[in-house]
Amino acid sequence: MVAMKPERILVTGGAEFLGSHLCERLVADGHNVICIDDLFTGRRVLDSHNFEFSHSPGLDATTTHSQCSTALVAGSSGARSNRTVR
């Protein structure tokens, strides 16, 4: 496996089923993860120094994306926000 440079990654819908597993994997791979979720259907929150959670219903992900190298949309929360995926 090729070692990747750690990135700062935004995951919308990161507290839902798929998003939470995506966040866990990204943190395990050494990335810094920002999770944005409205907790409408999700409730899992990862506890790690590389993980930041923001409860933000209706947040425009493009605002936070400028602080991240990558933005990923996972779950219905992400589907409701602006889709800025790089």
C-alpha atoms as a PDB file:
ATOM      1  CA  MET A   1       0.000   0.000   0.000  1.00  0.00           C
ATOM      2  CA  VAL A   2       1.255   3.479  -0.913  1.00  0.00           C
ATOM      3  CA  ALA A   3       1.608   5.924   1.985  1.00  0.00           C
ATOM      4  CA  MET A   4      -0.448   9.071   1.484  1.00  0.00           C
ATOM      5  CA  LYS A   5       0.299  12.534   2.806  1.00  0.00           C
ATOM      6  CA  PRO A   6      -2.227  13.357   5.553  1.00  0.00           C
ATOM      7  CA  GLU A   7      -4.902  15.759   4.358  1.00  0.00           C
ATOM      8  CA  ARG A   8      -7.604  17.865   6.012  1.00  0.00           C
ATOM      9  CA  ILE A   9     -10.855  16.342   4.729  1.00  0.00           C
ATOM     10  CA  LEU A  10     -14.431  17.577   5.092  1.00  0.00           C
ATOM     11  CA  VAL A  11     -17.159  14.907   5.250  1.00  0.00           C
ATOM     12  CA  THR A  12     -20.784  16.031   5.165  1.00  0.00           C
ATOM     13  CA  GLY A  13     -23.225  13.484   6.569  1.00  0.00           C
ATOM     14  CA  GLY A  14     -20.363  12.007   8.574  1.00  0.00           C
ATOM     15  CA  ALA A  15     -22.468  10.910  11.557  1.00  0.00           C
ATOM     16  CA  GLU A  16     -24.691   8.647   9.472  1.00  0.00           C
ATOM     17  CA  PHE A  17     -23.999   4.988   8.701  1.00  0.00           C
ATOM     18  CA  LEU A  18     -21.783   5.320   5.619  1.00  0.00           C
ATOM     19  CA  GLY A  19     -20.311   8.672   6.598  1.00  0.00           C
ATOM     20  CA  SER A  20     -19.279   7.493  10.051  1.00  0.00           C
ATOM     21  CA  HIS A  21     -17.424   4.517   8.600  1.00  0.00           C
ATOM     22  CA  LEU A  22     -15.777   6.788   6.045  1.00  0.00           C
ATOM     23  CA  CYS A  23     -14.657   9.136   8.843  1.00  0.00           C
ATOM     24  CA  GLU A  24     -13.290   6.220  10.877  1.00  0.00           C
ATOM     25  CA  ARG A  25     -11.263   4.976   7.908  1.00  0.00           C
ATOM     26  CA  LEU A  26      -9.900   8.409   7.036  1.00  0.00           C
ATOM     27  CA  VAL A  27      -8.820   9.032  10.658  1.00  0.00           C
ATOM     28  CA  ALA A  28      -7.265   5.544  10.824  1.00  0.00           C
ATOM     29  CA  ASP A  29      -5.314   6.420   7.664  1.00  0.00           C
ATOM     30  CA  GLY A  30      -3.900   9.486   9.457  1.00  0.00           C
ATOM     31  CA  HIS A  31      -6.046  12.233   7.918  1.00  0.00           C
ATOM     32  CA  ASN A  32      -7.565  15.159   9.826  1.00  0.00           C
ATOM     33  CA  VAL A  33     -11.343  14.968   9.369  1.00  0.00           C
ATOM     34  CA  ILE A  34     -14.014  17.607   9.806  1.00  0.00           C
ATOM     35  CA  CYS A  35     -17.484  16.057   9.989  1.00  0.00           C
ATOM     36  CA  ILE A  36     -20.589  18.156   9.411  1.00  0.00           C
ATOM     37  CA  ASP A  37     -23.957  16.580  10.126  1.00  0.00           C
ATOM     38  CA  ASP A  38     -27.419  17.717  11.168  1.00  0.00           C
ATOM     39  CA  LEU A  39     -27.909  14.486  13.189  1.00  0.00           C
ATOM     40  CA  PHE A  40     -31.301  14.015  11.501  1.00  0.00           C
ATOM     41  CA  THR A  41     -30.649  10.288  11.087  1.00  0.00           C
ATOM     42  CA  GLY A  42     -27.117   9.900  12.445  1.00  0.00           C
ATOM     43  CA  ARG A  43     -25.759   9.786  15.975  1.00  0.00           C
ATOM     44  CA  ARG A  44     -22.337   8.195  15.815  1.00  0.00           C
ATOM     45  CA  VAL A  45     -19.526  10.569  16.648  1.00  0.00           C
ATOM     46  CA  LEU A  46     -15.893   9.512  16.509  1.00  0.00           C
ATOM     47  CA  ASP A  47     -13.587  10.383  19.414  1.00  0.00           C
ATOM     48  CA  SER A  48     -10.114  11.206  18.100  1.00  0.00           C
ATOM     49  CA  HIS A  49      -7.681  14.129  18.142  1.00  0.00           C
ATOM     50  CA  ASN A  50      -7.774  14.011  14.298  1.00  0.00           C
ATOM     51  CA  PHE A  51     -11.565  14.400  14.210  1.00  0.00           C
ATOM     52  CA  GLU A  52     -13.705  17.520  14.529  1.00  0.00           C
ATOM     53  CA  PHE A  53     -17.516  17.359  14.613  1.00  0.00           C
ATOM     54  CA  SER A  54     -19.873  20.203  13.793  1.00  0.00           C
ATOM     55  CA  HIS A  55     -23.642  19.938  14.290  1.00  0.00           C
ATOM     56  CA  SER A  56     -24.764  22.272  11.542  1.00  0.00           C
ATOM     57  CA  PRO A  57     -28.203  21.828  10.013  1.00  0.00           C
ATOM     58  CA  GLY A  58     -28.373  23.396   6.574  1.00  0.00           C
ATOM     59  CA  LEU A  59     -24.714  24.462   6.500  1.00  0.00           C
ATOM     60  CA  ASP A  60     -23.285  25.439   3.132  1.00  0.00           C
ATOM     61  CA  ALA A  61     -20.284  23.108   2.838  1.00  0.00           C
ATOM     62  CA  THR A  62     -18.505  25.480   0.454  1.00  0.00           C
ATOM     63  CA  THR A  63     -17.724  27.794   3.381  1.00  0.00           C
ATOM     64  CA  THR A  64     -15.799  25.130   5.303  1.00  0.00           C
ATOM     65  CA  HIS A  65     -14.367  23.534   2.159  1.00  0.00           C
ATOM     66  CA  SER A  66     -11.904  26.396   1.736  1.00  0.00           C
ATOM     67  CA  GLN A  67     -10.108  25.118   4.872  1.00  0.00           C
ATOM     68  CA  CYS A  68      -9.839  21.554   3.520  1.00  0.00           C
ATOM     69  CA  SER A  69      -7.960  19.843   0.742  1.00  0.00           C
ATOM     70  CA  THR A  70     -10.891  17.509  -0.052  1.00  0.00           C
ATOM     71  CA  ALA A  71     -14.647  17.466   0.557  1.00  0.00           C
ATOM     72  CA  LEU A  72     -16.707  14.266   0.504  1.00  0.00           C
ATOM     73  CA  VAL A  73     -20.503  13.977   0.532  1.00  0.00           C
ATOM     74  CA  ALA A  74     -21.883  11.009   2.484  1.00  0.00           C
ATOM     75  CA  GLY A  75     -25.497  10.441   3.508  1.00  0.00           C
ATOM     76  CA  SER A  76     -28.579  12.577   3.292  1.00  0.00           C
ATOM     77  CA  SER A  77     -27.081  15.553   5.144  1.00  0.00           C
ATOM     78  CA  GLY A  78     -24.555  15.909   2.377  1.00  0.00           C
ATOM     79  CA  ALA A  79     -27.250  15.549  -0.226  1.00  0.00           C
ATOM     80  CA  ARG A  80     -29.061  18.548   1.253  1.00  0.00           C
ATOM     81  CA  SER A  81     -25.972  20.782   1.259  1.00  0.00           C
ATOM     82  CA  ASN A  82     -24.108  22.281  -1.685  1.00  0.00           C
ATOM     83  CA  ARG A  83     -22.123  19.520  -3.354  1.00  0.00           C
ATOM     84  CA  THR A  84     -18.549  20.713  -3.511  1.00  0.00           C
ATOM     85  CA  VAL A  85     -16.487  17.628  -4.152  1.00  0.00           C
ATOM     86  CA  ARG A  86     -12.922  17.827  -5.312  1.00  0.00           C
END
